[in-house]
Amino acid sequence: MRSFILSSILIVLLFSCKGSKTASTEEERRPLKSGELMSLFKSDSGAFVYKTAVDVYGHYLSGLLIIKNTEMDKYRLVFTTEVGVKLFDFELGPSHFFKVHYCIDQMNKKVVINLLRDDFRLLLMNPLIASEAVVSNDSTHVIYRLRGKKEENAYFYNLEDGQLSKIMTTYGKKSKVKVEILFTDYKDKVPSNILLDHKNIKLTIKMSLLKR
């Protein structure tokens, strides 16, 4: 009886090890190929308009976020109320280029501006200044990890359709999640729904595509 139990345990362990080995793949550090990680909003066919709701510590702000790729790696982001009152107008580009064309007084604080700047850079994947990435697979995604001095950005692409499903920023030795962006319901390679969720502060931004 004891021999049968030991044999059964051994078989379970062997199959468990085999399954674990199949599910995980080793990381590969390699240079990024040209066009391998591209912004979802890189387009010369017009602007993307998202109905957008911002929740900051229980305070709500809603309106329309207009995203336009104006030049090769430059983007204009304009946030208005649904009746057309402008709340902010930002421009982002390579080499950490960032310009505030307009911002209402209530939001025109350095900490707020910097937070929005970093969030939009992450959303637009602009600029991706890393020349190499750590690439790995799990059961459902190809994952590109771009490591900086203090933080790491991870980009999750579905194995099934190649679409970007998540961007995640982590920090510290325990890789705590700082912010996560989820992309769902793609139409013509554009996500219909985007959720940007901060994990260390109470800030979420929900976006639903109206027009492109």
Protein backbone atom coordinates (compact mmCIF):
# COMPACT_ATOMS: atom_id res chain seq x y z
CA MET A 1 0.00 0.00 0.00
CA ARG A 2 2.79 2.38 0.96
CA SER A 3 4.59 1.54 -2.29
CA PHE A 4 1.43 2.36 -4.28
CA ILE A 5 1.04 5.73 -2.52
CA LEU A 6 4.69 6.64 -3.10
CA SER A 7 4.41 5.67 -6.76
CA SER A 8 1.28 7.80 -7.14
CA ILE A 9 2.99 10.81 -5.53
CA LEU A 10 6.00 10.36 -7.81
CA ILE A 11 3.76 10.29 -10.91
CA VAL A 12 1.94 13.46 -9.79
CA LEU A 13 5.24 15.24 -9.15
CA LEU A 14 6.62 14.23 -12.54
CA PHE A 15 3.56 15.51 -14.37
CA SER A 16 3.51 18.69 -12.26
CA CYS A 17 7.12 19.44 -13.13
CA LYS A 18 6.49 18.71 -16.78
CA GLY A 19 3.47 21.03 -16.85
CA SER A 20 5.34 23.82 -15.10
CA LYS A 21 8.19 23.61 -17.56
CA THR A 22 5.81 23.80 -20.53
CA ALA A 23 3.89 26.81 -19.16
CA SER A 24 6.90 29.02 -18.54
CA THR A 25 9.58 30.21 -20.92
CA GLU A 26 12.93 31.76 -20.23
CA GLU A 27 13.37 35.49 -20.58
CA GLU A 28 15.33 36.81 -23.51
CA ARG A 29 17.05 40.18 -23.41
CA ARG A 30 17.37 41.52 -26.95
CA PRO A 31 17.32 44.75 -28.98
CA LEU A 32 13.90 46.05 -29.99
CA LYS A 33 13.15 45.64 -33.67
CA SER A 34 11.98 48.59 -35.74
CA GLY A 35 8.24 49.06 -35.26
CA GLU A 36 7.99 46.22 -32.74
CA LEU A 37 6.35 48.33 -30.03
CA MET A 38 4.12 50.92 -31.71
CA SER A 39 1.67 53.41 -30.24
CA LEU A 40 -1.96 52.46 -30.84
CA PHE A 41 -2.61 56.09 -31.75
CA LYS A 42 0.06 56.49 -34.41
CA SER A 43 -2.11 57.48 -37.38
CA ASP A 44 -2.42 60.12 -40.08
CA SER A 45 -6.12 59.40 -40.63
CA GLY A 46 -7.46 61.92 -38.13
CA ALA A 47 -8.11 62.23 -34.41
CA PHE A 48 -9.31 59.66 -31.88
CA VAL A 49 -12.19 60.90 -29.71
CA TYR A 50 -12.90 59.14 -26.41
CA LYS A 51 -15.66 59.85 -23.94
CA THR A 52 -13.61 60.07 -20.76
CA ALA A 53 -14.44 59.92 -17.05
CA VAL A 54 -11.86 60.77 -14.38
CA ASP A 55 -12.33 59.73 -10.76
CA VAL A 56 -9.89 61.29 -8.29
CA TYR A 57 -10.53 60.40 -4.65
CA GLY A 58 -14.29 60.33 -5.30
CA HIS A 59 -14.34 63.56 -7.32
CA TYR A 60 -15.61 63.05 -10.86
CA LEU A 61 -14.80 64.87 -14.08
CA SER A 62 -16.14 63.82 -17.47
CA GLY A 63 -15.75 65.03 -21.02
CA LEU A 64 -14.13 64.24 -24.36
CA LEU A 65 -10.45 63.41 -24.81
CA ILE A 66 -9.19 64.08 -28.33
CA ILE A 67 -5.91 62.42 -29.33
CA LYS A 68 -4.21 63.36 -32.57
CA ASN A 69 -0.88 62.21 -33.99
CA THR A 70 0.31 65.53 -35.44
CA GLU A 71 3.80 64.55 -36.59
CA MET A 72 6.03 61.47 -36.68
CA ASP A 73 6.24 61.06 -32.90
CA LYS A 74 4.23 64.04 -31.66
CA TYR A 75 0.76 63.94 -30.18
CA ARG A 76 -1.80 66.57 -29.23
CA LEU A 77 -4.23 65.80 -26.41
CA VAL A 78 -7.20 68.07 -25.80
CA PHE A 79 -9.72 67.44 -23.03
CA THR A 80 -13.04 69.30 -23.23
CA THR A 81 -16.42 69.16 -21.57
CA GLU A 82 -19.19 67.62 -23.66
CA VAL A 83 -20.41 71.13 -24.55
CA GLY A 84 -16.96 72.09 -25.85
CA VAL A 85 -15.32 73.99 -22.98
CA LYS A 86 -11.58 73.28 -23.06
CA LEU A 87 -10.05 71.91 -19.85
CA PHE A 88 -6.51 71.23 -21.04
CA ASP A 89 -4.45 71.09 -24.21
CA PHE A 90 -1.15 69.19 -24.05
CA GLU A 91 1.48 68.26 -26.61
CA LEU A 92 3.90 65.34 -26.22
CA GLY A 93 6.86 64.34 -28.32
CA PRO A 94 10.21 62.54 -28.33
CA SER A 95 13.17 63.36 -26.07
CA HIS A 96 10.77 64.11 -23.21
CA PHE A 97 9.17 66.98 -25.12
CA PHE A 98 6.05 68.19 -23.31
CA LYS A 99 4.19 71.45 -23.73
CA VAL A 100 1.13 72.83 -21.96
CA HIS A 101 -0.81 74.90 -24.47
CA TYR A 102 -3.66 75.45 -22.02
CA CYS A 103 -4.89 74.21 -18.66
CA ILE A 104 -7.71 75.48 -16.44
CA ASP A 105 -6.58 77.03 -13.17
CA GLN A 106 -8.08 74.25 -11.03
CA MET A 107 -5.85 71.67 -12.72
CA ASN A 108 -2.83 73.85 -13.40
CA LYS A 109 -0.73 72.51 -10.52
CA LYS A 110 2.72 71.02 -11.04
CA VAL A 111 1.87 67.71 -9.36
CA VAL A 112 -1.30 67.32 -11.45
CA ILE A 113 0.39 68.30 -14.71
CA ASN A 114 3.29 65.89 -14.11
CA LEU A 115 0.93 63.04 -13.24
CA LEU A 116 -1.13 63.56 -16.40
CA ARG A 117 2.03 63.90 -18.48
CA ASP A 118 3.39 60.57 -17.23
CA ASP A 119 0.02 58.83 -17.67
CA PHE A 120 -0.33 60.03 -21.24
CA ARG A 121 3.24 59.10 -22.09
CA LEU A 122 2.51 55.59 -20.88
CA LEU A 123 -0.79 55.45 -22.78
CA LEU A 124 0.76 56.71 -26.01
CA MET A 125 3.93 54.62 -25.54
CA ASN A 126 5.83 57.82 -26.23
CA PRO A 127 8.72 57.90 -26.13
CA LEU A 128 9.97 54.33 -25.88
CA ILE A 129 13.57 55.33 -25.22
CA ALA A 130 14.81 51.85 -24.31
CA SER A 131 16.86 50.20 -27.03
CA GLU A 132 16.30 46.69 -25.71
CA ALA A 133 13.65 44.71 -23.89
CA VAL A 134 13.33 41.57 -21.82
CA VAL A 135 10.89 39.38 -23.76
CA SER A 136 9.02 36.36 -22.37
CA ASN A 137 5.82 34.38 -22.90
CA ASP A 138 3.14 33.14 -20.56
CA SER A 139 0.19 30.98 -21.57
CA THR A 140 -1.71 33.88 -23.16
CA HIS A 141 0.72 36.76 -23.79
CA VAL A 142 4.02 37.89 -25.22
CA ILE A 143 5.43 40.27 -22.62
CA TYR A 144 7.97 43.02 -23.29
CA ARG A 145 9.63 44.48 -20.21
CA LEU A 146 11.50 47.78 -20.49
CA ARG A 147 13.55 48.39 -17.39
CA GLY A 148 14.52 51.84 -16.17
CA LYS A 149 16.51 52.95 -13.14
CA LYS A 150 13.54 52.99 -10.76
CA GLU A 151 10.59 51.56 -12.68
CA GLU A 152 9.73 48.90 -15.23
CA ASN A 153 7.10 49.12 -17.96
CA ALA A 154 5.61 45.84 -19.18
CA TYR A 155 3.59 45.51 -22.39
CA PHE A 156 1.30 42.47 -22.72
CA TYR A 157 0.33 41.36 -26.24
CA ASN A 158 -2.26 38.63 -26.78
CA LEU A 159 -0.81 35.51 -28.39
CA GLU A 160 -4.13 34.87 -30.14
CA ASP A 161 -4.55 38.14 -32.06
CA GLY A 162 -1.38 40.15 -31.37
CA GLN A 163 -3.33 43.02 -29.80
CA LEU A 164 -1.97 45.01 -26.86
CA SER A 165 -4.10 44.10 -23.83
CA LYS A 166 -2.24 45.71 -20.93
CA ILE A 167 0.52 48.12 -19.97
CA MET A 168 1.80 47.92 -16.42
CA THR A 169 4.33 50.01 -14.50
CA THR A 170 6.02 48.44 -11.47
CA TYR A 171 8.62 49.69 -9.02
CA GLY A 172 10.81 48.51 -6.15
CA LYS A 173 12.43 45.18 -5.36
CA LYS A 174 9.02 43.53 -4.95
CA SER A 175 7.75 44.90 -8.29
CA LYS A 176 4.77 46.69 -6.79
CA VAL A 177 2.24 47.80 -9.40
CA LYS A 178 2.08 51.58 -9.73
CA VAL A 179 -0.32 51.95 -12.64
CA GLU A 180 -2.10 49.61 -15.03
CA ILE A 181 -3.77 50.33 -18.38
CA LEU A 182 -6.22 47.81 -19.86
CA PHE A 183 -7.24 47.81 -23.54
CA THR A 184 -10.37 45.93 -24.63
CA ASP A 185 -12.93 45.58 -27.43
CA TYR A 186 -10.74 46.32 -30.43
CA LYS A 187 -12.28 47.59 -33.67
CA ASP A 188 -10.01 48.07 -36.69
CA LYS A 189 -6.94 47.71 -34.42
CA VAL A 190 -8.17 50.47 -32.07
CA PRO A 191 -9.34 49.73 -28.49
CA SER A 192 -12.94 50.79 -27.87
CA ASN A 193 -12.43 50.80 -24.10
CA ILE A 194 -9.42 51.85 -22.04
CA LEU A 195 -9.08 51.79 -18.27
CA LEU A 196 -6.15 53.54 -16.59
CA ASP A 197 -5.97 52.58 -12.92
CA HIS A 198 -3.45 53.87 -10.38
CA LYS A 199 -2.73 51.42 -7.56
CA ASN A 200 -0.98 53.71 -5.08
CA ILE A 201 -3.40 56.66 -5.34
CA LYS A 202 -7.16 56.80 -5.88
CA LEU A 203 -7.19 57.78 -9.55
CA THR A 204 -8.89 56.03 -12.45
CA ILE A 205 -9.51 57.18 -16.01
CA LYS A 206 -12.13 55.38 -18.12
CA MET A 207 -12.23 55.97 -21.87
CA SER A 208 -14.82 54.82 -24.43
CA LEU A 209 -14.21 55.37 -28.14
CA LEU A 210 -16.70 57.65 -29.89
CA LYS A 211 -14.93 58.43 -33.15
CA ARG A 212 -11.71 57.95 -35.07
